[in-house]
PDB file of N, CA and C in Angstrom:
ATOM      1  N   MET A   1       2.132 -49.891 138.345  1.00  0.00           N
ATOM      2  CA  MET A   1       1.899 -49.014 138.338  1.00  0.00           C
ATOM      3  C   MET A   1       2.199 -47.744 137.402  1.00  0.00           C
ATOM      4  N   PHE A   2       2.237 -47.028 136.694  1.00  0.00           N
ATOM      5  CA  PHE A   2       3.018 -46.553 135.905  1.00  0.00           C
ATOM      6  C   PHE A   2       3.048 -45.203 136.426  1.00  0.00           C
ATOM      7  N   ASP A   3       3.974 -43.503 135.984  1.00  0.00           N
ATOM      8  CA  ASP A   3       3.690 -42.295 136.013  1.00  0.00           C
ATOM      9  C   ASP A   3       2.547 -41.999 137.246  1.00  0.00           C
ATOM     10  N   PRO A   4       2.659 -42.422 138.573  1.00  0.00           N
ATOM     11  CA  PRO A   4       0.907 -42.546 140.014  1.00  0.00           C
ATOM     12  C   PRO A   4       1.149 -41.116 140.281  1.00  0.00           C
ATOM     13  N   ALA A   5       0.796 -40.296 141.055  1.00  0.00           N
ATOM     14  CA  ALA A   5       0.161 -39.099 141.597  1.00  0.00           C
ATOM     15  C   ALA A   5      -0.859 -39.463 142.139  1.00  0.00           C
ATOM     16  N   PHE A   6      -0.652 -39.403 144.187  1.00  0.00           N
ATOM     17  CA  PHE A   6      -1.384 -39.225 144.695  1.00  0.00           C
ATOM     18  C   PHE A   6      -1.926 -37.309 144.466  1.00  0.00           C
ATOM     19  N   ASP A   7      -3.739 -36.916 145.279  1.00  0.00           N
ATOM     20  CA  ASP A   7      -4.207 -35.645 144.948  1.00  0.00           C
ATOM     21  C   ASP A   7      -3.955 -35.894 146.816  1.00  0.00           C
ATOM     22  N   MET A   8      -3.494 -35.602 147.920  1.00  0.00           N
ATOM     23  CA  MET A   8      -3.853 -35.578 149.743  1.00  0.00           C
ATOM     24  C   MET A   8      -5.666 -35.162 149.540  1.00  0.00           C
ATOM     25  N   GLN A   9      -5.726 -33.465 149.331  1.00  0.00           N
ATOM     26  CA  GLN A   9      -6.928 -33.033 148.760  1.00  0.00           C
ATOM     27  C   GLN A   9      -8.301 -34.405 148.705  1.00  0.00           C
ATOM     28  N   SER A  10      -7.924 -34.566 147.731  1.00  0.00           N
ATOM     29  CA  SER A  10      -9.379 -35.517 146.726  1.00  0.00           C
ATOM     30  C   SER A  10      -9.419 -36.912 147.037  1.00  0.00           C
ATOM     31  N   GLY A  11      -8.108 -37.584 147.662  1.00  0.00           N
ATOM     32  CA  GLY A  11      -7.196 -38.696 147.752  1.00  0.00           C
ATOM     33  C   GLY A  11      -7.604 -39.149 146.168  1.00  0.00           C
ATOM     34  N   VAL A  12      -7.207 -39.350 145.444  1.00  0.00           N
ATOM     35  CA  VAL A  12      -7.754 -39.685 144.508  1.00  0.00           C
ATOM     36  C   VAL A  12      -6.018 -40.083 142.972  1.00  0.00           C
ATOM     37  N   LEU A  13      -6.087 -41.416 143.851  1.00  0.00           N
ATOM     38  CA  LEU A  13      -4.433 -42.230 142.821  1.00  0.00           C
ATOM     39  C   LEU A  13      -5.482 -42.083 141.473  1.00  0.00           C
ATOM     40  N   THR A  14      -3.940 -41.479 140.382  1.00  0.00           N
ATOM     41  CA  THR A  14      -3.787 -42.017 139.285  1.00  0.00           C
ATOM     42  C   THR A  14      -2.314 -42.557 138.502  1.00  0.00           C
ATOM     43  N   ASP A  15      -2.419 -42.603 137.524  1.00  0.00           N
ATOM     44  CA  ASP A  15      -1.640 -43.615 136.980  1.00  0.00           C
ATOM     45  C   ASP A  15      -1.252 -43.734 135.367  1.00  0.00           C
ATOM     46  N   ARG A  16      -0.967 -44.247 134.327  1.00  0.00           N
ATOM     47  CA  ARG A  16      -0.691 -43.681 133.232  1.00  0.00           C
ATOM     48  C   ARG A  16       0.102 -44.578 132.590  1.00  0.00           C
ATOM     49  N   TYR A  17      -0.382 -45.512 131.757  1.00  0.00           N
ATOM     50  CA  TYR A  17       1.075 -45.729 130.289  1.00  0.00           C
ATOM     51  C   TYR A  17       0.505 -45.678 128.805  1.00  0.00           C
ATOM     52  N   LYS A  18       1.582 -46.261 128.918  1.00  0.00           N
ATOM     53  CA  LYS A  18       1.912 -45.891 126.979  1.00  0.00           C
ATOM     54  C   LYS A  18       2.520 -47.176 126.638  1.00  0.00           C
ATOM     55  N   ASP A  19       1.934 -47.979 125.430  1.00  0.00           N
ATOM     56  CA  ASP A  19       2.206 -48.766 124.968  1.00  0.00           C
ATOM     57  C   ASP A  19       3.152 -48.391 123.901  1.00  0.00           C
ATOM     58  N   ARG A  20       3.239 -48.068 123.667  1.00  0.00           N
ATOM     59  CA  ARG A  20       4.249 -46.925 122.308  1.00  0.00           C
ATOM     60  C   ARG A  20       5.040 -44.997 122.747  1.00  0.00           C
ATOM     61  N   GLY A  21       5.835 -45.206 122.397  1.00  0.00           N
ATOM     62  CA  GLY A  21       6.394 -43.626 122.751  1.00  0.00           C
ATOM     63  C   GLY A  21       5.573 -42.295 122.517  1.00  0.00           C
ATOM     64  N   VAL A  22       4.164 -42.748 120.944  1.00  0.00           N
ATOM     65  CA  VAL A  22       4.076 -41.574 121.048  1.00  0.00           C
ATOM     66  C   VAL A  22       2.127 -41.147 121.786  1.00  0.00           C
ATOM     67  N   GLY A  23       2.239 -42.479 122.114  1.00  0.00           N
ATOM     68  CA  GLY A  23       1.207 -42.521 123.268  1.00  0.00           C
ATOM     69  C   GLY A  23      -0.518 -42.031 122.918  1.00  0.00           C
ATOM     70  N   ASP A  24       0.047 -42.977 121.659  1.00  0.00           N
ATOM     71  CA  ASP A  24      -1.800 -43.498 120.975  1.00  0.00           C
ATOM     72  C   ASP A  24      -2.294 -44.169 121.370  1.00  0.00           C
ATOM     73  N   CYS A  25      -1.532 -44.918 122.285  1.00  0.00           N
ATOM     74  CA  CYS A  25      -2.702 -46.417 122.894  1.00  0.00           C
ATOM     75  C   CYS A  25      -1.611 -46.885 124.244  1.00  0.00           C
ATOM     76  N   GLY A  26      -2.424 -47.260 125.515  1.00  0.00           N
ATOM     77  CA  GLY A  26      -2.350 -47.447 126.125  1.00  0.00           C
ATOM     78  C   GLY A  26      -3.044 -47.698 127.262  1.00  0.00           C
ATOM     79  N   GLY A  27      -2.983 -46.587 128.808  1.00  0.00           N
ATOM     80  CA  GLY A  27      -4.671 -46.497 129.276  1.00  0.00           C
ATOM     81  C   GLY A  27      -3.859 -45.753 130.360  1.00  0.00           C
ATOM     82  N   ALA A  28      -5.631 -45.315 131.439  1.00  0.00           N
ATOM     83  CA  ALA A  28      -5.030 -44.521 132.254  1.00  0.00           C
ATOM     84  C   ALA A  28      -6.498 -45.489 133.622  1.00  0.00           C
ATOM     85  N   ARG A  29      -5.706 -45.080 134.766  1.00  0.00           N
ATOM     86  CA  ARG A  29      -7.064 -45.694 135.573  1.00  0.00           C
ATOM     87  C   ARG A  29      -6.864 -44.129 137.147  1.00  0.00           C
ATOM     88  N   ARG A  30      -7.914 -44.008 137.597  1.00  0.00           N
ATOM     89  CA  ARG A  30      -8.514 -43.334 138.772  1.00  0.00           C
ATOM     90  C   ARG A  30      -9.234 -44.399 140.143  1.00  0.00           C
ATOM     91  N   TRP A  31      -7.772 -44.889 140.977  1.00  0.00           N
ATOM     92  CA  TRP A  31      -8.395 -44.795 142.453  1.00  0.00           C
ATOM     93  C   TRP A  31      -9.107 -43.715 142.801  1.00  0.00           C
ATOM     94  N   GLN A  32     -10.092 -44.280 144.250  1.00  0.00           N
ATOM     95  CA  GLN A  32     -10.518 -43.778 145.219  1.00  0.00           C
ATOM     96  C   GLN A  32     -10.310 -43.961 146.820  1.00  0.00           C
ATOM     97  N   TRP A  33      -9.269 -43.592 147.767  1.00  0.00           N
ATOM     98  CA  TRP A  33      -8.724 -44.101 148.993  1.00  0.00           C
ATOM     99  C   TRP A  33     -10.845 -43.540 149.560  1.00  0.00           C
ATOM    100  N   ASN A  34     -10.874 -45.082 150.237  1.00  0.00           N
ATOM    101  CA  ASN A  34     -12.312 -44.279 151.518  1.00  0.00           C
ATOM    102  C   ASN A  34     -11.091 -44.343 152.778  1.00  0.00           C
ATOM    103  N   GLY A  35     -10.440 -45.288 152.789  1.00  0.00           N
ATOM    104  CA  GLY A  35     -10.235 -44.983 154.859  1.00  0.00           C
ATOM    105  C   GLY A  35      -9.833 -46.065 154.805  1.00  0.00           C
ATOM    106  N   TYR A  36      -9.486 -46.567 154.534  1.00  0.00           N
ATOM    107  CA  TYR A  36      -9.243 -48.642 154.461  1.00  0.00           C
ATOM    108  C   TYR A  36      -8.399 -48.941 152.773  1.00  0.00           C
ATOM    109  N   ASP A  37      -8.843 -48.888 152.059  1.00  0.00           N
ATOM    110  CA  ASP A  37      -8.042 -48.641 150.213  1.00  0.00           C
ATOM    111  C   ASP A  37      -8.581 -48.875 149.788  1.00  0.00           C
ATOM    112  N   PHE A  38      -8.001 -48.682 148.185  1.00  0.00           N
ATOM    113  CA  PHE A  38      -8.417 -48.228 147.221  1.00  0.00           C
ATOM    114  C   PHE A  38     -10.005 -48.838 146.556  1.00  0.00           C
ATOM    115  N   ARG A  39     -10.879 -47.754 146.047  1.00  0.00           N
ATOM    116  CA  ARG A  39     -11.121 -48.203 145.054  1.00  0.00           C
ATOM    117  C   ARG A  39     -11.484 -48.197 143.165  1.00  0.00           C
ATOM    118  N   LEU A  40     -11.382 -48.729 142.467  1.00  0.00           N
ATOM    119  CA  LEU A  40     -10.976 -48.059 141.100  1.00  0.00           C
ATOM    120  C   LEU A  40     -11.771 -47.581 140.856  1.00  0.00           C
ATOM    121  N   LEU A  41     -11.795 -46.368 140.026  1.00  0.00           N
ATOM    122  CA  LEU A  41     -13.227 -45.840 139.762  1.00  0.00           C
ATOM    123  C   LEU A  41     -13.291 -45.031 138.438  1.00  0.00           C
ATOM    124  N   GLU A  42     -12.779 -45.365 137.390  1.00  0.00           N
ATOM    125  CA  GLU A  42     -12.395 -45.358 135.894  1.00  0.00           C
ATOM    126  C   GLU A  42     -11.163 -46.243 135.874  1.00  0.00           C
ATOM    127  N   TYR A  43     -10.707 -46.568 134.504  1.00  0.00           N
ATOM    128  CA  TYR A  43      -9.727 -47.429 133.757  1.00  0.00           C
ATOM    129  C   TYR A  43     -10.604 -46.877 132.034  1.00  0.00           C
ATOM    130  N   ARG A  44      -9.485 -46.079 131.808  1.00  0.00           N
ATOM    131  CA  ARG A  44      -9.699 -45.992 129.797  1.00  0.00           C
ATOM    132  C   ARG A  44      -8.320 -46.931 130.072  1.00  0.00           C
ATOM    133  N   ALA A  45      -8.962 -47.618 128.714  1.00  0.00           N
ATOM    134  CA  ALA A  45      -7.932 -47.910 127.449  1.00  0.00           C
ATOM    135  C   ALA A  45      -7.840 -48.210 126.099  1.00  0.00           C
ATOM    136  N   LYS A  46      -6.863 -48.117 125.291  1.00  0.00           N
ATOM    137  CA  LYS A  46      -7.268 -47.765 123.707  1.00  0.00           C
ATOM    138  C   LYS A  46      -5.815 -49.087 123.701  1.00  0.00           C
ATOM    139  N   SER A  47      -5.443 -49.755 122.787  1.00  0.00           N
ATOM    140  CA  SER A  47      -4.468 -51.197 122.186  1.00  0.00           C
ATOM    141  C   SER A  47      -4.461 -50.230 121.346  1.00  0.00           C
ATOM    142  N   ASP A  48      -5.277 -50.088 120.417  1.00  0.00           N
ATOM    143  CA  ASP A  48      -5.397 -50.173 118.828  1.00  0.00           C
ATOM    144  C   ASP A  48      -4.383 -48.960 118.535  1.00  0.00           C
ATOM    145  N   CYS A  49      -2.746 -49.449 118.476  1.00  0.00           N
ATOM    146  CA  CYS A  49      -2.068 -48.354 118.545  1.00  0.00           C
ATOM    147  C   CYS A  49      -1.497 -47.448 116.718  1.00  0.00           C
ATOM    148  N   ASP A  50      -2.719 -46.611 116.557  1.00  0.00           N
ATOM    149  CA  ASP A  50      -2.781 -46.952 115.420  1.00  0.00           C
ATOM    150  C   ASP A  50      -2.600 -45.063 114.701  1.00  0.00           C
ATOM    151  N   GLY A  51      -2.020 -44.251 115.227  1.00  0.00           N
ATOM    152  CA  GLY A  51      -1.378 -43.036 114.814  1.00  0.00           C
ATOM    153  C   GLY A  51      -2.099 -41.542 115.711  1.00  0.00           C
ATOM    154  N   THR A  52      -3.358 -41.540 116.186  1.00  0.00           N
ATOM    155  CA  THR A  52      -4.257 -40.395 116.251  1.00  0.00           C
ATOM    156  C   THR A  52      -4.434 -40.458 117.751  1.00  0.00           C
ATOM    157  N   ASN A  53      -4.023 -39.407 118.520  1.00  0.00           N
ATOM    158  CA  ASN A  53      -3.946 -39.532 120.533  1.00  0.00           C
ATOM    159  C   ASN A  53      -5.162 -38.615 120.504  1.00  0.00           C
ATOM    160  N   THR A  54      -6.289 -39.431 120.358  1.00  0.00           N
ATOM    161  CA  THR A  54      -7.210 -39.113 120.704  1.00  0.00           C
ATOM    162  C   THR A  54      -7.397 -39.825 122.369  1.00  0.00           C
ATOM    163  N   ALA A  55      -8.909 -38.923 123.616  1.00  0.00           N
ATOM    164  CA  ALA A  55      -9.205 -39.437 124.886  1.00  0.00           C
ATOM    165  C   ALA A  55      -9.703 -41.532 124.603  1.00  0.00           C
ATOM    166  N   PHE A  56      -8.706 -41.942 125.623  1.00  0.00           N
ATOM    167  CA  PHE A  56      -9.060 -43.388 125.599  1.00  0.00           C
ATOM    168  C   PHE A  56     -10.228 -43.622 126.657  1.00  0.00           C
ATOM    169  N   PRO A  57     -10.961 -44.272 125.008  1.00  0.00           N
ATOM    170  CA  PRO A  57     -12.477 -44.933 125.906  1.00  0.00           C
ATOM    171  C   PRO A  57     -12.374 -45.352 127.143  1.00  0.00           C
ATOM    172  N   VAL A  58     -13.492 -45.715 127.881  1.00  0.00           N
ATOM    173  CA  VAL A  58     -13.698 -45.630 128.701  1.00  0.00           C
ATOM    174  C   VAL A  58     -14.208 -47.716 129.148  1.00  0.00           C
ATOM    175  N   ILE A  59     -13.703 -48.355 129.449  1.00  0.00           N
ATOM    176  CA  ILE A  59     -13.626 -49.874 129.537  1.00  0.00           C
ATOM    177  C   ILE A  59     -14.161 -50.080 130.949  1.00  0.00           C
ATOM    178  N   PHE A  60     -14.372 -49.470 131.809  1.00  0.00           N
ATOM    179  CA  PHE A  60     -14.481 -49.230 133.478  1.00  0.00           C
ATOM    180  C   PHE A  60     -15.261 -48.464 134.320  1.00  0.00           C
ATOM    181  N   GLU A  61     -16.722 -47.559 134.467  1.00  0.00           N
ATOM    182  CA  GLU A  61     -16.187 -47.481 135.774  1.00  0.00           C
ATOM    183  C   GLU A  61     -17.350 -47.740 136.682  1.00  0.00           C
ATOM    184  N   ALA A  62     -17.328 -47.114 137.088  1.00  0.00           N
ATOM    185  CA  ALA A  62     -17.963 -48.176 139.079  1.00  0.00           C
ATOM    186  C   ALA A  62     -19.428 -47.050 138.837  1.00  0.00           C
ATOM    187  N   PRO A  63     -19.504 -47.215 139.927  1.00  0.00           N
ATOM    188  CA  PRO A  63     -21.377 -47.384 139.379  1.00  0.00           C
ATOM    189  C   PRO A  63     -21.109 -46.362 140.958  1.00  0.00           C
ATOM    190  N   ALA A  64     -21.807 -45.076 140.499  1.00  0.00           N
ATOM    191  CA  ALA A  64     -22.000 -44.380 141.906  1.00  0.00           C
ATOM    192  C   ALA A  64     -22.234 -44.622 142.871  1.00  0.00           C
ATOM    193  N   LEU A  65     -21.793 -44.492 144.583  1.00  0.00           N
ATOM    194  CA  LEU A  65     -21.740 -44.540 145.894  1.00  0.00           C
ATOM    195  C   LEU A  65     -23.323 -43.969 145.896  1.00  0.00           C
ATOM    196  N   PRO A  66     -24.316 -45.163 146.897  1.00  0.00           N
ATOM    197  CA  PRO A  66     -25.051 -44.234 147.710  1.00  0.00           C
ATOM    198  C   PRO A  66     -24.953 -43.796 148.225  1.00  0.00           C
TER     199      PRO A  66
END
């Protein structure tokens, strides 16, 4: 876990990482506390360090709970 942040109000834990200093590649994750464990909500990542600082594409997005 890199650069974690936890929002007590929403129960959301986030982290992000850079594969190099300019931040054009790396990833970001969001988890939701459910009272027992953390559930991964979203994972974004970009492995191509191409010099562009665009939003990382979604690799995984959890389905909505019923």
